PDB file of N, CA and C in Angstrom:
ATOM      1  N   MET A   1     -73.571 -59.255 102.184  1.00  0.00           N
ATOM      2  CA  MET A   1     -72.298 -59.931 101.439  1.00  0.00           C
ATOM      3  C   MET A   1     -73.356 -60.011  99.830  1.00  0.00           C
ATOM      4  N   PRO A   2     -72.381 -59.656  99.099  1.00  0.00           N
ATOM      5  CA  PRO A   2     -72.486 -59.406  97.902  1.00  0.00           C
ATOM      6  C   PRO A   2     -72.099 -60.495  96.944  1.00  0.00           C
ATOM      7  N   SER A   3     -72.715 -61.318  96.525  1.00  0.00           N
ATOM      8  CA  SER A   3     -72.712 -62.727  95.802  1.00  0.00           C
ATOM      9  C   SER A   3     -71.390 -62.741  94.664  1.00  0.00           C
ATOM     10  N   ARG A   4     -70.714 -63.679  94.698  1.00  0.00           N
ATOM     11  CA  ARG A   4     -69.330 -63.092  93.099  1.00  0.00           C
ATOM     12  C   ARG A   4     -70.169 -63.015  91.774  1.00  0.00           C
ATOM     13  N   VAL A   5     -69.358 -62.592  91.821  1.00  0.00           N
ATOM     14  CA  VAL A   5     -69.471 -62.266  89.658  1.00  0.00           C
ATOM     15  C   VAL A   5     -68.861 -62.812  88.994  1.00  0.00           C
ATOM     16  N   THR A   6     -68.679 -63.749  88.393  1.00  0.00           N
ATOM     17  CA  THR A   6     -68.524 -64.936  87.510  1.00  0.00           C
ATOM     18  C   THR A   6     -67.738 -64.084  85.964  1.00  0.00           C
ATOM     19  N   TYR A   7     -66.694 -63.692  86.002  1.00  0.00           N
ATOM     20  CA  TYR A   7     -66.157 -63.221  85.050  1.00  0.00           C
ATOM     21  C   TYR A   7     -65.994 -63.643  83.533  1.00  0.00           C
ATOM     22  N   ARG A   8     -66.606 -63.388  81.959  1.00  0.00           N
ATOM     23  CA  ARG A   8     -66.717 -63.863  81.477  1.00  0.00           C
ATOM     24  C   ARG A   8     -66.030 -62.826  79.948  1.00  0.00           C
ATOM     25  N   GLU A   9     -66.926 -61.865  80.208  1.00  0.00           N
ATOM     26  CA  GLU A   9     -65.962 -60.654  79.127  1.00  0.00           C
ATOM     27  C   GLU A   9     -67.091 -59.758  79.860  1.00  0.00           C
ATOM     28  N   VAL A  10     -66.465 -58.347  79.030  1.00  0.00           N
ATOM     29  CA  VAL A  10     -67.352 -57.354  79.766  1.00  0.00           C
ATOM     30  C   VAL A  10     -67.264 -56.297  78.345  1.00  0.00           C
ATOM     31  N   ASP A  11     -68.511 -56.485  78.495  1.00  0.00           N
ATOM     32  CA  ASP A  11     -69.099 -55.723  77.728  1.00  0.00           C
ATOM     33  C   ASP A  11     -68.917 -53.838  77.812  1.00  0.00           C
ATOM     34  N   HIS A  12     -68.371 -53.432  76.768  1.00  0.00           N
ATOM     35  CA  HIS A  12     -68.353 -51.675  77.228  1.00  0.00           C
ATOM     36  C   HIS A  12     -69.146 -50.384  76.654  1.00  0.00           C
ATOM     37  N   GLY A  13     -70.000 -51.073  75.258  1.00  0.00           N
ATOM     38  CA  GLY A  13     -70.428 -50.299  74.359  1.00  0.00           C
ATOM     39  C   GLY A  13     -69.362 -50.441  73.350  1.00  0.00           C
ATOM     40  N   ARG A  14     -68.270 -51.246  73.178  1.00  0.00           N
ATOM     41  CA  ARG A  14     -67.634 -51.547  72.234  1.00  0.00           C
ATOM     42  C   ARG A  14     -67.529 -52.852  72.132  1.00  0.00           C
ATOM     43  N   ALA A  15     -65.840 -53.006  71.178  1.00  0.00           N
ATOM     44  CA  ALA A  15     -65.701 -54.680  71.587  1.00  0.00           C
ATOM     45  C   ALA A  15     -65.473 -55.717  72.920  1.00  0.00           C
ATOM     46  N   PRO A  16     -66.386 -56.776  73.290  1.00  0.00           N
ATOM     47  CA  PRO A  16     -65.900 -57.402  74.444  1.00  0.00           C
ATOM     48  C   PRO A  16     -64.491 -57.253  75.182  1.00  0.00           C
ATOM     49  N   ILE A  17     -64.474 -57.160  76.139  1.00  0.00           N
ATOM     50  CA  ILE A  17     -62.978 -56.991  76.878  1.00  0.00           C
ATOM     51  C   ILE A  17     -62.620 -58.660  77.320  1.00  0.00           C
ATOM     52  N   PRO A  18     -62.023 -59.235  76.574  1.00  0.00           N
ATOM     53  CA  PRO A  18     -61.737 -60.257  77.141  1.00  0.00           C
ATOM     54  C   PRO A  18     -61.169 -60.471  79.076  1.00  0.00           C
ATOM     55  N   VAL A  19     -61.167 -61.463  79.294  1.00  0.00           N
ATOM     56  CA  VAL A  19     -60.642 -61.836  80.494  1.00  0.00           C
ATOM     57  C   VAL A  19     -59.716 -62.485  80.790  1.00  0.00           C
ATOM     58  N   ALA A  20     -58.601 -62.236  81.210  1.00  0.00           N
ATOM     59  CA  ALA A  20     -57.432 -62.516  81.613  1.00  0.00           C
ATOM     60  C   ALA A  20     -57.208 -64.300  82.989  1.00  0.00           C
ATOM     61  N   LYS A  21     -57.511 -65.760  81.957  1.00  0.00           N
ATOM     62  CA  LYS A  21     -58.103 -66.430  82.945  1.00  0.00           C
ATOM     63  C   LYS A  21     -56.836 -67.341  83.669  1.00  0.00           C
ATOM     64  N   ASP A  22     -55.775 -67.950  82.177  1.00  0.00           N
ATOM     65  CA  ASP A  22     -54.410 -68.326  82.540  1.00  0.00           C
ATOM     66  C   ASP A  22     -53.692 -67.469  82.963  1.00  0.00           C
ATOM     67  N   PHE A  23     -52.334 -67.940  83.592  1.00  0.00           N
ATOM     68  CA  PHE A  23     -51.329 -67.375  84.097  1.00  0.00           C
ATOM     69  C   PHE A  23     -50.687 -67.283  83.453  1.00  0.00           C
ATOM     70  N   ARG A  24     -50.520 -66.941  81.675  1.00  0.00           N
ATOM     71  CA  ARG A  24     -49.606 -67.088  81.064  1.00  0.00           C
ATOM     72  C   ARG A  24     -49.758 -65.289  80.927  1.00  0.00           C
ATOM     73  N   THR A  25     -51.388 -65.389  80.469  1.00  0.00           N
ATOM     74  CA  THR A  25     -52.299 -63.890  80.245  1.00  0.00           C
ATOM     75  C   THR A  25     -52.212 -63.142  81.395  1.00  0.00           C
ATOM     76  N   ARG A  26     -52.584 -63.984  82.119  1.00  0.00           N
ATOM     77  CA  ARG A  26     -52.393 -63.014  83.499  1.00  0.00           C
ATOM     78  C   ARG A  26     -50.850 -62.274  83.609  1.00  0.00           C
ATOM     79  N   LEU A  27     -49.881 -62.896  83.454  1.00  0.00           N
ATOM     80  CA  LEU A  27     -48.900 -62.715  82.977  1.00  0.00           C
ATOM     81  C   LEU A  27     -48.212 -61.384  82.593  1.00  0.00           C
ATOM     82  N   ARG A  28     -48.738 -61.754  80.998  1.00  0.00           N
ATOM     83  CA  ARG A  28     -48.449 -60.775  80.122  1.00  0.00           C
ATOM     84  C   ARG A  28     -49.064 -59.416  80.276  1.00  0.00           C
ATOM     85  N   GLY A  29     -50.551 -59.536  80.800  1.00  0.00           N
ATOM     86  CA  GLY A  29     -51.479 -58.748  80.097  1.00  0.00           C
ATOM     87  C   GLY A  29     -50.928 -57.876  78.505  1.00  0.00           C
ATOM     88  N   LEU A  30     -51.821 -56.885  79.030  1.00  0.00           N
ATOM     89  CA  LEU A  30     -50.588 -55.874  77.472  1.00  0.00           C
ATOM     90  C   LEU A  30     -49.874 -55.509  77.345  1.00  0.00           C
ATOM     91  N   ALA A  31     -48.648 -55.865  78.071  1.00  0.00           N
ATOM     92  CA  ALA A  31     -47.271 -55.359  77.795  1.00  0.00           C
ATOM     93  C   ALA A  31     -46.353 -55.902  76.236  1.00  0.00           C
ATOM     94  N   PHE A  32     -45.588 -55.018  76.376  1.00  0.00           N
ATOM     95  CA  PHE A  32     -45.078 -56.145  75.058  1.00  0.00           C
ATOM     96  C   PHE A  32     -46.032 -55.674  73.819  1.00  0.00           C
ATOM     97  N   ARG A  33     -46.992 -55.023  73.603  1.00  0.00           N
ATOM     98  CA  ARG A  33     -48.093 -54.910  72.551  1.00  0.00           C
ATOM     99  C   ARG A  33     -47.868 -53.268  72.031  1.00  0.00           C
ATOM    100  N   ASP A  34     -48.405 -53.332  70.972  1.00  0.00           N
ATOM    101  CA  ASP A  34     -48.103 -52.069  70.691  1.00  0.00           C
ATOM    102  C   ASP A  34     -50.138 -52.017  70.779  1.00  0.00           C
ATOM    103  N   ARG A  35     -50.179 -50.100  70.821  1.00  0.00           N
ATOM    104  CA  ARG A  35     -51.562 -49.561  71.403  1.00  0.00           C
ATOM    105  C   ARG A  35     -53.120 -50.333  70.118  1.00  0.00           C
ATOM    106  N   ASP A  36     -53.233 -50.658  68.812  1.00  0.00           N
ATOM    107  CA  ASP A  36     -53.711 -51.439  67.684  1.00  0.00           C
ATOM    108  C   ASP A  36     -53.323 -52.856  68.212  1.00  0.00           C
ATOM    109  N   GLU A  37     -52.570 -53.392  68.554  1.00  0.00           N
ATOM    110  CA  GLU A  37     -52.656 -54.737  68.888  1.00  0.00           C
ATOM    111  C   GLU A  37     -53.559 -55.183  70.730  1.00  0.00           C
ATOM    112  N   ALA A  38     -53.752 -53.898  71.415  1.00  0.00           N
ATOM    113  CA  ALA A  38     -53.893 -54.407  72.264  1.00  0.00           C
ATOM    114  C   ALA A  38     -55.722 -54.549  72.844  1.00  0.00           C
ATOM    115  N   GLY A  39     -56.226 -53.996  71.414  1.00  0.00           N
ATOM    116  CA  GLY A  39     -57.739 -54.369  71.158  1.00  0.00           C
ATOM    117  C   GLY A  39     -58.046 -53.628  72.579  1.00  0.00           C
ATOM    118  N   PRO A  40     -59.312 -54.031  73.273  1.00  0.00           N
ATOM    119  CA  PRO A  40     -60.659 -53.269  73.754  1.00  0.00           C
ATOM    120  C   PRO A  40     -59.971 -52.781  75.420  1.00  0.00           C
ATOM    121  N   GLY A  41     -58.891 -53.965  75.741  1.00  0.00           N
ATOM    122  CA  GLY A  41     -58.450 -54.038  76.596  1.00  0.00           C
ATOM    123  C   GLY A  41     -58.571 -55.604  77.671  1.00  0.00           C
ATOM    124  N   LEU A  42     -58.537 -55.642  78.843  1.00  0.00           N
ATOM    125  CA  LEU A  42     -58.217 -57.106  79.561  1.00  0.00           C
ATOM    126  C   LEU A  42     -58.375 -57.106  81.017  1.00  0.00           C
ATOM    127  N   LEU A  43     -59.139 -58.338  80.942  1.00  0.00           N
ATOM    128  CA  LEU A  43     -60.265 -57.942  82.681  1.00  0.00           C
ATOM    129  C   LEU A  43     -59.171 -59.229  83.193  1.00  0.00           C
ATOM    130  N   PHE A  44     -58.592 -58.685  85.117  1.00  0.00           N
ATOM    131  CA  PHE A  44     -57.730 -59.796  85.382  1.00  0.00           C
ATOM    132  C   PHE A  44     -59.474 -59.523  86.493  1.00  0.00           C
ATOM    133  N   PRO A  45     -59.318 -61.168  87.027  1.00  0.00           N
ATOM    134  CA  PRO A  45     -60.227 -61.417  87.951  1.00  0.00           C
ATOM    135  C   PRO A  45     -59.574 -61.606  89.541  1.00  0.00           C
ATOM    136  N   ARG A  46     -60.004 -61.358  90.207  1.00  0.00           N
ATOM    137  CA  ARG A  46     -59.248 -62.250  92.267  1.00  0.00           C
ATOM    138  C   ARG A  46     -57.887 -61.243  91.004  1.00  0.00           C
ATOM    139  N   CYS A  47     -58.481 -59.915  91.289  1.00  0.00           N
ATOM    140  CA  CYS A  47     -56.725 -59.261  91.318  1.00  0.00           C
ATOM    141  C   CYS A  47     -57.441 -57.692  91.949  1.00  0.00           C
ATOM    142  N   SER A  48     -55.712 -57.278  92.902  1.00  0.00           N
ATOM    143  CA  SER A  48     -56.443 -55.763  92.820  1.00  0.00           C
ATOM    144  C   SER A  48     -55.073 -54.916  92.582  1.00  0.00           C
ATOM    145  N   SER A  49     -54.000 -55.735  92.037  1.00  0.00           N
ATOM    146  CA  SER A  49     -52.833 -54.571  91.381  1.00  0.00           C
ATOM    147  C   SER A  49     -52.834 -54.746  89.855  1.00  0.00           C
ATOM    148  N   VAL A  50     -51.614 -53.904  89.662  1.00  0.00           N
ATOM    149  CA  VAL A  50     -51.120 -54.373  88.757  1.00  0.00           C
ATOM    150  C   VAL A  50     -50.361 -53.379  87.954  1.00  0.00           C
ATOM    151  N   HIS A  51     -49.855 -53.818  87.147  1.00  0.00           N
ATOM    152  CA  HIS A  51     -48.082 -53.571  87.212  1.00  0.00           C
ATOM    153  C   HIS A  51     -47.971 -52.887  85.469  1.00  0.00           C
ATOM    154  N   THR A  52     -47.336 -52.052  84.918  1.00  0.00           N
ATOM    155  CA  THR A  52     -47.270 -51.289  83.816  1.00  0.00           C
ATOM    156  C   THR A  52     -46.161 -51.605  82.846  1.00  0.00           C
ATOM    157  N   PHE A  53     -44.897 -52.845  83.407  1.00  0.00           N
ATOM    158  CA  PHE A  53     -43.404 -52.516  82.913  1.00  0.00           C
ATOM    159  C   PHE A  53     -44.148 -53.591  81.909  1.00  0.00           C
ATOM    160  N   GLY A  54     -43.090 -52.858  80.893  1.00  0.00           N
ATOM    161  CA  GLY A  54     -43.105 -53.561  79.591  1.00  0.00           C
ATOM    162  C   GLY A  54     -44.476 -53.120  78.747  1.00  0.00           C
ATOM    163  N   MET A  55     -45.324 -51.740  79.029  1.00  0.00           N
ATOM    164  CA  MET A  55     -45.886 -51.161  78.329  1.00  0.00           C
ATOM    165  C   MET A  55     -45.566 -50.346  78.108  1.00  0.00           C
ATOM    166  N   ARG A  56     -45.925 -49.909  76.445  1.00  0.00           N
ATOM    167  CA  ARG A  56     -45.899 -49.305  75.634  1.00  0.00           C
ATOM    168  C   ARG A  56     -46.605 -47.587  75.285  1.00  0.00           C
ATOM    169  N   PHE A  57     -47.875 -47.907  76.064  1.00  0.00           N
ATOM    170  CA  PHE A  57     -48.851 -46.974  76.256  1.00  0.00           C
ATOM    171  C   PHE A  57     -49.121 -46.907  77.062  1.00  0.00           C
ATOM    172  N   GLU A  58     -50.179 -45.918  77.800  1.00  0.00           N
ATOM    173  CA  GLU A  58     -50.823 -45.484  79.328  1.00  0.00           C
ATOM    174  C   GLU A  58     -52.121 -46.493  79.195  1.00  0.00           C
ATOM    175  N   LEU A  59     -52.358 -46.572  80.296  1.00  0.00           N
ATOM    176  CA  LEU A  59     -53.985 -47.120  79.927  1.00  0.00           C
ATOM    177  C   LEU A  59     -54.915 -46.255  81.216  1.00  0.00           C
ATOM    178  N   ASP A  60     -55.675 -46.711  81.438  1.00  0.00           N
ATOM    179  CA  ASP A  60     -56.152 -46.451  82.211  1.00  0.00           C
ATOM    180  C   ASP A  60     -57.298 -47.709  82.924  1.00  0.00           C
ATOM    181  N   VAL A  61     -56.928 -47.508  84.278  1.00  0.00           N
ATOM    182  CA  VAL A  61     -57.520 -48.938  84.996  1.00  0.00           C
ATOM    183  C   VAL A  61     -58.275 -48.610  85.672  1.00  0.00           C
ATOM    184  N   PHE A  62     -59.387 -49.313  85.996  1.00  0.00           N
ATOM    185  CA  PHE A  62     -60.529 -50.005  86.808  1.00  0.00           C
ATOM    186  C   PHE A  62     -60.583 -50.883  88.070  1.00  0.00           C
ATOM    187  N   PHE A  63     -60.759 -50.330  88.750  1.00  0.00           N
ATOM    188  CA  PHE A  63     -60.279 -51.883  89.970  1.00  0.00           C
ATOM    189  C   PHE A  63     -62.112 -51.895  90.612  1.00  0.00           C
ATOM    190  N   LEU A  64     -62.135 -53.135  90.034  1.00  0.00           N
ATOM    191  CA  LEU A  64     -63.613 -53.140  90.928  1.00  0.00           C
ATOM    192  C   LEU A  64     -64.007 -54.324  91.991  1.00  0.00           C
ATOM    193  N   ASP A  65     -65.512 -54.233  92.558  1.00  0.00           N
ATOM    194  CA  ASP A  65     -65.742 -54.725  93.589  1.00  0.00           C
ATOM    195  C   ASP A  65     -66.364 -56.313  93.516  1.00  0.00           C
ATOM    196  N   GLU A  66     -66.694 -57.444  94.561  1.00  0.00           N
ATOM    197  CA  GLU A  66     -66.894 -58.610  93.980  1.00  0.00           C
ATOM    198  C   GLU A  66     -68.518 -58.068  93.375  1.00  0.00           C
ATOM    199  N   ALA A  67     -69.597 -57.877  93.519  1.00  0.00           N
ATOM    200  CA  ALA A  67     -70.147 -57.179  92.670  1.00  0.00           C
ATOM    201  C   ALA A  67     -69.880 -56.898  91.254  1.00  0.00           C
ATOM    202  N   GLY A  68     -68.739 -56.317  90.769  1.00  0.00           N
ATOM    203  CA  GLY A  68     -68.744 -55.712  89.624  1.00  0.00           C
ATOM    204  C   GLY A  68     -68.600 -54.588  89.466  1.00  0.00           C
ATOM    205  N   ARG A  69     -69.012 -54.121  90.310  1.00  0.00           N
ATOM    206  CA  ARG A  69     -69.289 -52.093  90.886  1.00  0.00           C
ATOM    207  C   ARG A  69     -67.593 -51.910  90.861  1.00  0.00           C
ATOM    208  N   ILE A  70     -67.334 -50.763  89.931  1.00  0.00           N
ATOM    209  CA  ILE A  70     -66.669 -50.161  89.766  1.00  0.00           C
ATOM    210  C   ILE A  70     -66.190 -48.992  90.829  1.00  0.00           C
ATOM    211  N   ILE A  71     -64.417 -49.099  91.830  1.00  0.00           N
ATOM    212  CA  ILE A  71     -64.937 -48.364  92.917  1.00  0.00           C
ATOM    213  C   ILE A  71     -63.514 -47.571  93.042  1.00  0.00           C
ATOM    214  N   ASP A  72     -63.021 -47.540  92.080  1.00  0.00           N
ATOM    215  CA  ASP A  72     -61.879 -46.235  91.835  1.00  0.00           C
ATOM    216  C   ASP A  72     -61.490 -47.145  90.735  1.00  0.00           C
ATOM    217  N   VAL A  73     -60.752 -45.876  89.755  1.00  0.00           N
ATOM    218  CA  VAL A  73     -60.693 -45.600  88.526  1.00  0.00           C
ATOM    219  C   VAL A  73     -58.706 -44.597  88.625  1.00  0.00           C
ATOM    220  N   ARG A  74     -57.588 -45.701  88.350  1.00  0.00           N
ATOM    221  CA  ARG A  74     -56.716 -44.541  88.099  1.00  0.00           C
ATOM    222  C   ARG A  74     -56.412 -44.293  86.401  1.00  0.00           C
ATOM    223  N   ARG A  75     -56.567 -42.939  85.775  1.00  0.00           N
ATOM    224  CA  ARG A  75     -56.233 -42.973  84.794  1.00  0.00           C
ATOM    225  C   ARG A  75     -54.922 -42.581  84.200  1.00  0.00           C
ATOM    226  N   ARG A  76     -54.436 -42.483  82.182  1.00  0.00           N
ATOM    227  CA  ARG A  76     -53.161 -42.593  82.172  1.00  0.00           C
ATOM    228  C   ARG A  76     -52.514 -42.639  82.705  1.00  0.00           C
ATOM    229  N   VAL A  77     -52.478 -43.968  83.456  1.00  0.00           N
ATOM    230  CA  VAL A  77     -51.386 -45.094  84.076  1.00  0.00           C
ATOM    231  C   VAL A  77     -50.317 -44.649  82.434  1.00  0.00           C
ATOM    232  N   PRO A  78     -49.096 -44.114  83.846  1.00  0.00           N
ATOM    233  CA  PRO A  78     -47.667 -44.363  82.529  1.00  0.00           C
ATOM    234  C   PRO A  78     -47.078 -45.805  82.914  1.00  0.00           C
ATOM    235  N   PRO A  79     -45.747 -46.052  82.012  1.00  0.00           N
ATOM    236  CA  PRO A  79     -45.358 -47.305  81.588  1.00  0.00           C
ATOM    237  C   PRO A  79     -44.533 -47.459  83.239  1.00  0.00           C
ATOM    238  N   ARG A  80     -43.986 -48.454  83.675  1.00  0.00           N
ATOM    239  CA  ARG A  80     -42.957 -49.084  84.269  1.00  0.00           C
ATOM    240  C   ARG A  80     -43.902 -48.155  86.550  1.00  0.00           C
ATOM    241  N   ARG A  81     -45.637 -48.639  85.989  1.00  0.00           N
ATOM    242  CA  ARG A  81     -46.357 -48.301  87.281  1.00  0.00           C
ATOM    243  C   ARG A  81     -46.029 -49.314  88.065  1.00  0.00           C
ATOM    244  N   VAL A  82     -46.907 -49.786  89.230  1.00  0.00           N
ATOM    245  CA  VAL A  82     -47.281 -50.913  90.294  1.00  0.00           C
ATOM    246  C   VAL A  82     -48.996 -49.286  90.735  1.00  0.00           C
ATOM    247  N   VAL A  83     -50.191 -49.647  90.549  1.00  0.00           N
ATOM    248  CA  VAL A  83     -51.226 -49.533  90.653  1.00  0.00           C
ATOM    249  C   VAL A  83     -51.866 -51.260  91.068  1.00  0.00           C
ATOM    250  N   TRP A  84     -52.679 -49.948  92.396  1.00  0.00           N
ATOM    251  CA  TRP A  84     -53.580 -51.159  93.374  1.00  0.00           C
ATOM    252  C   TRP A  84     -54.265 -50.344  94.296  1.00  0.00           C
ATOM    253  N   HIS A  85     -55.335 -51.116  94.894  1.00  0.00           N
ATOM    254  CA  HIS A  85     -56.843 -50.663  95.353  1.00  0.00           C
ATOM    255  C   HIS A  85     -56.795 -51.894  96.208  1.00  0.00           C
ATOM    256  N   ARG A  86     -56.926 -51.250  97.916  1.00  0.00           N
ATOM    257  CA  ARG A  86     -57.226 -52.412  98.980  1.00  0.00           C
ATOM    258  C   ARG A  86     -58.482 -52.306  98.777  1.00  0.00           C
ATOM    259  N   GLY A  87     -59.046 -54.059  98.806  1.00  0.00           N
ATOM    260  CA  GLY A  87     -60.424 -54.460  97.975  1.00  0.00           C
ATOM    261  C   GLY A  87     -60.938 -54.505  97.016  1.00  0.00           C
ATOM    262  N   ALA A  88     -60.009 -54.211  96.251  1.00  0.00           N
ATOM    263  CA  ALA A  88     -60.344 -54.996  94.355  1.00  0.00           C
ATOM    264  C   ALA A  88     -60.551 -56.087  94.356  1.00  0.00           C
ATOM    265  N   SER A  89     -61.603 -56.824  93.332  1.00  0.00           N
ATOM    266  CA  SER A  89     -61.735 -58.197  93.671  1.00  0.00           C
ATOM    267  C   SER A  89     -61.331 -58.462  91.335  1.00  0.00           C
ATOM    268  N   ALA A  90     -61.386 -57.191  90.911  1.00  0.00           N
ATOM    269  CA  ALA A  90     -60.426 -57.279  90.035  1.00  0.00           C
ATOM    270  C   ALA A  90     -60.598 -56.192  89.549  1.00  0.00           C
ATOM    271  N   VAL A  91     -59.750 -56.211  88.685  1.00  0.00           N
ATOM    272  CA  VAL A  91     -58.998 -55.088  87.913  1.00  0.00           C
ATOM    273  C   VAL A  91     -59.021 -54.626  85.955  1.00  0.00           C
ATOM    274  N   LEU A  92     -59.527 -54.188  85.987  1.00  0.00           N
ATOM    275  CA  LEU A  92     -59.941 -53.693  84.098  1.00  0.00           C
ATOM    276  C   LEU A  92     -58.871 -53.071  83.644  1.00  0.00           C
ATOM    277  N   GLU A  93     -58.195 -53.309  82.490  1.00  0.00           N
ATOM    278  CA  GLU A  93     -57.341 -52.907  82.206  1.00  0.00           C
ATOM    279  C   GLU A  93     -57.404 -51.651  80.712  1.00  0.00           C
ATOM    280  N   ILE A  94     -57.481 -51.065  79.840  1.00  0.00           N
ATOM    281  CA  ILE A  94     -58.065 -50.119  78.721  1.00  0.00           C
ATOM    282  C   ILE A  94     -57.109 -49.531  78.409  1.00  0.00           C
ATOM    283  N   PRO A  95     -56.820 -49.588  77.267  1.00  0.00           N
ATOM    284  CA  PRO A  95     -56.384 -48.228  76.759  1.00  0.00           C
ATOM    285  C   PRO A  95     -56.542 -46.690  77.208  1.00  0.00           C
ATOM    286  N   ALA A  96     -55.803 -45.757  77.566  1.00  0.00           N
ATOM    287  CA  ALA A  96     -55.903 -44.230  77.865  1.00  0.00           C
ATOM    288  C   ALA A  96     -57.304 -43.862  77.153  1.00  0.00           C
ATOM    289  N   GLY A  97     -57.626 -43.658  77.342  1.00  0.00           N
ATOM    290  CA  GLY A  97     -58.675 -42.291  76.111  1.00  0.00           C
ATOM    291  C   GLY A  97     -59.739 -43.469  76.137  1.00  0.00           C
ATOM    292  N   GLU A  98     -60.404 -44.665  75.849  1.00  0.00           N
ATOM    293  CA  GLU A  98     -60.398 -45.435  75.745  1.00  0.00           C
ATOM    294  C   GLU A  98     -61.733 -45.782  76.747  1.00  0.00           C
ATOM    295  N   GLY A  99     -61.593 -45.766  77.763  1.00  0.00           N
ATOM    296  CA  GLY A  99     -62.916 -46.081  78.702  1.00  0.00           C
ATOM    297  C   GLY A  99     -63.929 -44.738  79.058  1.00  0.00           C
ATOM    298  N   GLY A 100     -63.940 -44.076  77.721  1.00  0.00           N
ATOM    299  CA  GLY A 100     -64.209 -43.031  79.089  1.00  0.00           C
ATOM    300  C   GLY A 100     -65.998 -43.426  79.366  1.00  0.00           C
ATOM    301  N   GLU A 101     -66.572 -44.278  79.207  1.00  0.00           N
ATOM    302  CA  GLU A 101     -67.642 -44.083  79.477  1.00  0.00           C
ATOM    303  C   GLU A 101     -67.734 -44.717  80.798  1.00  0.00           C
ATOM    304  N   PHE A 102     -66.907 -45.642  81.136  1.00  0.00           N
ATOM    305  CA  PHE A 102     -66.272 -46.034  82.640  1.00  0.00           C
ATOM    306  C   PHE A 102     -66.463 -45.311  84.024  1.00  0.00           C
ATOM    307  N   SER A 103     -66.724 -44.620  85.180  1.00  0.00           N
ATOM    308  CA  SER A 103     -66.529 -43.758  85.584  1.00  0.00           C
ATOM    309  C   SER A 103     -66.444 -44.313  87.082  1.00  0.00           C
ATOM    310  N   ALA A 104     -66.021 -44.068  88.352  1.00  0.00           N
ATOM    311  CA  ALA A 104     -66.015 -44.880  89.671  1.00  0.00           C
ATOM    312  C   ALA A 104     -67.173 -43.718  90.140  1.00  0.00           C
ATOM    313  N   PRO A 105     -67.923 -44.332  91.029  1.00  0.00           N
ATOM    314  CA  PRO A 105     -69.173 -43.223  91.592  1.00  0.00           C
ATOM    315  C   PRO A 105     -67.840 -42.346  92.334  1.00  0.00           C
ATOM    316  N   GLY A 106     -69.265 -41.196  92.231  1.00  0.00           N
ATOM    317  CA  GLY A 106     -69.284 -39.547  92.443  1.00  0.00           C
ATOM    318  C   GLY A 106     -67.825 -39.135  91.834  1.00  0.00           C
ATOM    319  N   THR A 107     -67.767 -39.675  90.589  1.00  0.00           N
ATOM    320  CA  THR A 107     -67.069 -39.211  89.541  1.00  0.00           C
ATOM    321  C   THR A 107     -67.414 -38.647  88.782  1.00  0.00           C
TER     322      THR A 107
END
C-alpha cells in the first residue's frame, strides 16, 4: 500500500497550484470565476468527484491515486457536469488547455 501524499501545492511548470483545504474553498472551487481569475487551477485532496455547476469555462480534470500519480484525465469538461473516478484520492482542476504537460499513464 503506497503512503498517502500530503498535498501542499502542486508545481506543474508554471505557478504552483493551490490546495482546497477548507469547506468553503472546496465547495466553491473555481465556480463563478472568469478564466483569468481562476489562476493555475485547484487541487482537491480526499476527493474522487467534482462538479462544474457555476463554471464559466471548460476544465481539464486529473484524478490522482494515493501516491499522487495521475490515474485518469477528463479533458475539456464543460459547465453543468459531474465527473468522477472510482479509487481516486484527489482531483486536480485546471482551466482547459492549461494542463498539457500532465497526462495519464498510457496516454
